[in-house]
Amino acid sequence: MANFIKKTWDEVPPIAKTVIVLGGGFLLYRAIKKYTDKPAPKQLPEGGQGLPVVGHDPSGNAVYWNPDSMAQQLFNVMDGLFTGSATKDEAFTKFGQLPSNDMIVSTYNTFNNKYGKGETLTKWINDEWFTDITGSGKDLALSRLDQLNLK
């Protein structure tokens, strides 16, 4: 088997070998970068006091708001090619109207860690071109992120 591969490789023209090696190297570089270049998490400005209690576990301990669903909703509207602009505006508005800065930062950290692919939530929102021109959700979301210096 190894002999077959060596013989086949020897028959490949030099320019094709160059393209294969460079292309494979580039794909490997992108894969490594995707999993290693995650932005550092930001500290919660209110030290976690701004995360609302949404219930209690069976032991009576407080269960706090989880940013996963908001981060996933933002990812879903920005990742999909055919997401309507009004749907994006609703998600951006919902994010921009979160009641505490801790909730904004928690969502920012969760998005960057799970979905950012080496980019920040701020960059993802900034890069969105197809948004509702009559809505202000994108501006609201970017304003909240800017107020907290989340780049």
C-alpha atoms as a PDB file:
ATOM      1  CA  MET A   1       0.000   0.000   0.000  1.00  0.00           C
ATOM      2  CA  ALA A   2       2.766   2.443   0.944  1.00  0.00           C
ATOM      3  CA  ASN A   3       4.525   1.596  -2.289  1.00  0.00           C
ATOM      4  CA  PHE A   4       1.379   2.493  -4.245  1.00  0.00           C
ATOM      5  CA  ILE A   5       1.086   5.863  -2.493  1.00  0.00           C
ATOM      6  CA  LYS A   6       4.766   6.642  -3.101  1.00  0.00           C
ATOM      7  CA  LYS A   7       4.483   5.708  -6.777  1.00  0.00           C
ATOM      8  CA  THR A   8       1.315   7.785  -7.176  1.00  0.00           C
ATOM      9  CA  TRP A   9       2.928  10.774  -5.394  1.00  0.00           C
ATOM     10  CA  ASP A  10       5.987  10.512  -7.642  1.00  0.00           C
ATOM     11  CA  GLU A  11       3.726  10.817 -10.712  1.00  0.00           C
ATOM     12  CA  VAL A  12       2.069  14.050  -9.492  1.00  0.00           C
ATOM     13  CA  PRO A  13       3.462  17.152 -11.258  1.00  0.00           C
ATOM     14  CA  PRO A  14       5.595  19.468  -9.052  1.00  0.00           C
ATOM     15  CA  ILE A  15       3.126  22.381  -9.265  1.00  0.00           C
ATOM     16  CA  ALA A  16       0.299  20.131  -8.052  1.00  0.00           C
ATOM     17  CA  LYS A  17       2.478  18.919  -5.165  1.00  0.00           C
ATOM     18  CA  THR A  18       3.129  22.537  -4.201  1.00  0.00           C
ATOM     19  CA  VAL A  19      -0.588  23.352  -4.276  1.00  0.00           C
ATOM     20  CA  ILE A  20      -1.443  20.271  -2.210  1.00  0.00           C
ATOM     21  CA  VAL A  21       1.192  20.999   0.442  1.00  0.00           C
ATOM     22  CA  LEU A  22       0.380  24.719   0.686  1.00  0.00           C
ATOM     23  CA  GLY A  23      -3.367  24.076   0.704  1.00  0.00           C
ATOM     24  CA  GLY A  24      -3.047  21.445   3.414  1.00  0.00           C
ATOM     25  CA  GLY A  25      -0.837  23.753   5.466  1.00  0.00           C
ATOM     26  CA  PHE A  26      -3.327  26.598   5.130  1.00  0.00           C
ATOM     27  CA  LEU A  27      -6.243  24.392   6.200  1.00  0.00           C
ATOM     28  CA  LEU A  28      -4.264  23.129   9.189  1.00  0.00           C
ATOM     29  CA  TYR A  29      -3.339  26.711  10.148  1.00  0.00           C
ATOM     30  CA  ARG A  30      -6.998  27.817   9.988  1.00  0.00           C
ATOM     31  CA  ALA A  31      -8.146  24.831  12.060  1.00  0.00           C
ATOM     32  CA  ILE A  32      -5.542  25.484  14.764  1.00  0.00           C
ATOM     33  CA  LYS A  33      -6.279  29.228  14.775  1.00  0.00           C
ATOM     34  CA  LYS A  34     -10.015  28.580  15.113  1.00  0.00           C
ATOM     35  CA  TYR A  35      -9.563  26.595  18.299  1.00  0.00           C
ATOM     36  CA  THR A  36      -6.741  28.571  19.910  1.00  0.00           C
ATOM     37  CA  ASP A  37      -7.563  32.223  19.191  1.00  0.00           C
ATOM     38  CA  LYS A  38     -10.478  32.715  21.543  1.00  0.00           C
ATOM     39  CA  PRO A  39     -10.748  36.188  23.055  1.00  0.00           C
ATOM     40  CA  ALA A  40     -10.054  36.304  26.777  1.00  0.00           C
ATOM     41  CA  PRO A  41     -13.229  36.391  28.893  1.00  0.00           C
ATOM     42  CA  LYS A  42     -14.104  39.793  30.352  1.00  0.00           C
ATOM     43  CA  GLN A  43     -14.800  40.299  34.034  1.00  0.00           C
ATOM     44  CA  LEU A  44     -18.427  40.887  35.000  1.00  0.00           C
ATOM     45  CA  PRO A  45     -18.717  44.603  35.846  1.00  0.00           C
ATOM     46  CA  GLU A  46     -21.105  43.991  38.724  1.00  0.00           C
ATOM     47  CA  GLY A  47     -19.240  40.900  39.926  1.00  0.00           C
ATOM     48  CA  GLY A  48     -22.185  38.626  39.119  1.00  0.00           C
ATOM     49  CA  GLN A  49     -24.676  40.652  41.170  1.00  0.00           C
ATOM     50  CA  GLY A  50     -26.366  41.711  37.915  1.00  0.00           C
ATOM     51  CA  LEU A  51     -27.310  38.158  36.979  1.00  0.00           C
ATOM     52  CA  PRO A  52     -30.932  37.608  37.995  1.00  0.00           C
ATOM     53  CA  VAL A  53     -32.047  34.605  40.019  1.00  0.00           C
ATOM     54  CA  VAL A  54     -34.457  32.595  37.872  1.00  0.00           C
ATOM     55  CA  GLY A  55     -35.290  29.893  40.385  1.00  0.00           C
ATOM     56  CA  HIS A  56     -33.936  27.562  43.016  1.00  0.00           C
ATOM     57  CA  ASP A  57     -32.587  24.025  42.835  1.00  0.00           C
ATOM     58  CA  PRO A  58     -33.983  21.235  45.049  1.00  0.00           C
ATOM     59  CA  SER A  59     -31.441  22.138  47.746  1.00  0.00           C
ATOM     60  CA  GLY A  60     -32.727  25.708  47.848  1.00  0.00           C
ATOM     61  CA  ASN A  61     -29.674  27.229  46.167  1.00  0.00           C
ATOM     62  CA  ALA A  62     -30.262  30.084  43.745  1.00  0.00           C
ATOM     63  CA  VAL A  63     -30.206  29.301  40.017  1.00  0.00           C
ATOM     64  CA  TYR A  64     -28.956  32.276  38.011  1.00  0.00           C
ATOM     65  CA  TRP A  65     -29.818  33.415  34.494  1.00  0.00           C
ATOM     66  CA  ASN A  66     -27.876  31.488  31.853  1.00  0.00           C
ATOM     67  CA  PRO A  67     -26.527  33.380  28.809  1.00  0.00           C
ATOM     68  CA  ASP A  68     -26.444  30.278  26.579  1.00  0.00           C
ATOM     69  CA  SER A  69     -29.835  30.804  24.942  1.00  0.00           C
ATOM     70  CA  MET A  70     -29.137  34.471  24.145  1.00  0.00           C
ATOM     71  CA  ALA A  71     -25.691  33.657  22.722  1.00  0.00           C
ATOM     72  CA  GLN A  72     -27.155  30.843  20.637  1.00  0.00           C
ATOM     73  CA  GLN A  73     -29.963  33.068  19.350  1.00  0.00           C
ATOM     74  CA  LEU A  74     -27.434  35.701  18.262  1.00  0.00           C
ATOM     75  CA  PHE A  75     -25.302  33.062  16.556  1.00  0.00           C
ATOM     76  CA  ASN A  76     -28.295  31.545  14.768  1.00  0.00           C
ATOM     77  CA  VAL A  77     -29.437  34.861  13.278  1.00  0.00           C
ATOM     78  CA  MET A  78     -25.936  35.839  12.150  1.00  0.00           C
ATOM     79  CA  ASP A  79     -24.749  32.433  10.951  1.00  0.00           C
ATOM     80  CA  GLY A  80     -27.726  31.675   8.730  1.00  0.00           C
ATOM     81  CA  LEU A  81     -27.629  32.944   5.165  1.00  0.00           C
ATOM     82  CA  PHE A  82     -31.385  33.303   4.828  1.00  0.00           C
ATOM     83  CA  THR A  83     -32.268  34.889   8.167  1.00  0.00           C
ATOM     84  CA  GLY A  84     -34.695  37.783   7.708  1.00  0.00           C
ATOM     85  CA  SER A  85     -33.547  41.252   8.679  1.00  0.00           C
ATOM     86  CA  ALA A  86     -36.471  41.700  11.082  1.00  0.00           C
ATOM     87  CA  THR A  87     -35.480  38.499  12.898  1.00  0.00           C
ATOM     88  CA  LYS A  88     -31.925  39.800  13.276  1.00  0.00           C
ATOM     89  CA  ASP A  89     -33.207  43.140  14.529  1.00  0.00           C
ATOM     90  CA  GLU A  90     -35.370  41.396  17.153  1.00  0.00           C
ATOM     91  CA  ALA A  91     -32.395  39.398  18.429  1.00  0.00           C
ATOM     92  CA  PHE A  92     -30.113  42.457  18.510  1.00  0.00           C
ATOM     93  CA  THR A  93     -32.796  44.475  20.314  1.00  0.00           C
ATOM     94  CA  LYS A  94     -33.397  41.685  22.833  1.00  0.00           C
ATOM     95  CA  PHE A  95     -29.647  41.560  23.519  1.00  0.00           C
ATOM     96  CA  GLY A  96     -29.295  45.351  23.714  1.00  0.00           C
ATOM     97  CA  GLN A  97     -32.179  45.578  26.179  1.00  0.00           C
ATOM     98  CA  LEU A  98     -30.819  43.060  28.673  1.00  0.00           C
ATOM     99  CA  PRO A  99     -31.323  44.742  32.048  1.00  0.00           C
ATOM    100  CA  SER A 100     -27.816  44.443  33.484  1.00  0.00           C
ATOM    101  CA  ASN A 101     -24.258  44.882  32.305  1.00  0.00           C
ATOM    102  CA  ASP A 102     -23.380  41.482  33.774  1.00  0.00           C
ATOM    103  CA  MET A 103     -25.926  39.893  31.431  1.00  0.00           C
ATOM    104  CA  ILE A 104     -24.369  41.659  28.432  1.00  0.00           C
ATOM    105  CA  VAL A 105     -20.834  40.606  29.410  1.00  0.00           C
ATOM    106  CA  SER A 106     -21.936  37.024  30.182  1.00  0.00           C
ATOM    107  CA  THR A 107     -23.548  36.740  26.756  1.00  0.00           C
ATOM    108  CA  TYR A 108     -20.457  38.296  25.132  1.00  0.00           C
ATOM    109  CA  ASN A 109     -18.148  35.798  26.869  1.00  0.00           C
ATOM    110  CA  THR A 110     -20.390  32.825  26.066  1.00  0.00           C
ATOM    111  CA  PHE A 111     -20.743  33.809  22.407  1.00  0.00           C
ATOM    112  CA  ASN A 112     -16.991  34.297  21.985  1.00  0.00           C
ATOM    113  CA  ASN A 113     -16.225  30.976  23.636  1.00  0.00           C
ATOM    114  CA  LYS A 114     -18.847  28.840  21.874  1.00  0.00           C
ATOM    115  CA  TYR A 115     -19.495  30.485  18.518  1.00  0.00           C
ATOM    116  CA  GLY A 116     -16.970  33.261  17.869  1.00  0.00           C
ATOM    117  CA  LYS A 117     -14.511  31.210  15.799  1.00  0.00           C
ATOM    118  CA  GLY A 118     -11.704  33.529  16.870  1.00  0.00           C
ATOM    119  CA  GLU A 119     -13.789  36.696  16.485  1.00  0.00           C
ATOM    120  CA  THR A 120     -15.723  38.639  19.118  1.00  0.00           C
ATOM    121  CA  LEU A 121     -19.472  39.150  19.302  1.00  0.00           C
ATOM    122  CA  THR A 122     -18.871  42.841  18.589  1.00  0.00           C
ATOM    123  CA  LYS A 123     -17.071  41.997  15.341  1.00  0.00           C
ATOM    124  CA  TRP A 124     -19.790  39.553  14.323  1.00  0.00           C
ATOM    125  CA  ILE A 125     -22.501  42.185  14.823  1.00  0.00           C
ATOM    126  CA  ASN A 126     -20.417  44.884  13.106  1.00  0.00           C
ATOM    127  CA  ASP A 127     -19.934  42.606  10.095  1.00  0.00           C
ATOM    128  CA  GLU A 128     -23.675  42.061   9.629  1.00  0.00           C
ATOM    129  CA  TRP A 129     -24.746  43.891   6.487  1.00  0.00           C
ATOM    130  CA  PHE A 130     -28.258  42.580   5.952  1.00  0.00           C
ATOM    131  CA  THR A 131     -30.195  44.161   8.797  1.00  0.00           C
ATOM    132  CA  ASP A 132     -33.494  45.989   9.140  1.00  0.00           C
ATOM    133  CA  ILE A 133     -32.886  49.597   8.029  1.00  0.00           C
ATOM    134  CA  THR A 134     -35.956  50.766   9.944  1.00  0.00           C
ATOM    135  CA  GLY A 135     -34.911  48.984  13.134  1.00  0.00           C
ATOM    136  CA  SER A 136     -32.300  50.080  15.614  1.00  0.00           C
ATOM    137  CA  GLY A 137     -31.424  46.729  17.192  1.00  0.00           C
ATOM    138  CA  LYS A 138     -27.932  46.554  15.697  1.00  0.00           C
ATOM    139  CA  ASP A 139     -27.099  50.084  16.862  1.00  0.00           C
ATOM    140  CA  LEU A 140     -28.504  49.371  20.324  1.00  0.00           C
ATOM    141  CA  ALA A 141     -26.486  46.159  20.683  1.00  0.00           C
ATOM    142  CA  LEU A 142     -23.272  47.814  19.479  1.00  0.00           C
ATOM    143  CA  SER A 143     -23.883  50.788  21.783  1.00  0.00           C
ATOM    144  CA  ARG A 144     -24.216  48.523  24.847  1.00  0.00           C
ATOM    145  CA  LEU A 145     -21.064  46.626  23.867  1.00  0.00           C
ATOM    146  CA  ASP A 146     -19.191  49.906  23.314  1.00  0.00           C
ATOM    147  CA  GLN A 147     -20.299  51.291  26.700  1.00  0.00           C
ATOM    148  CA  LEU A 148     -18.670  48.273  28.321  1.00  0.00           C
ATOM    149  CA  ASN A 149     -15.574  48.561  26.124  1.00  0.00           C
ATOM    150  CA  LEU A 150     -16.196  45.126  24.616  1.00  0.00           C
ATOM    151  CA  LYS A 151     -14.398  45.206  21.292  1.00  0.00           C
END
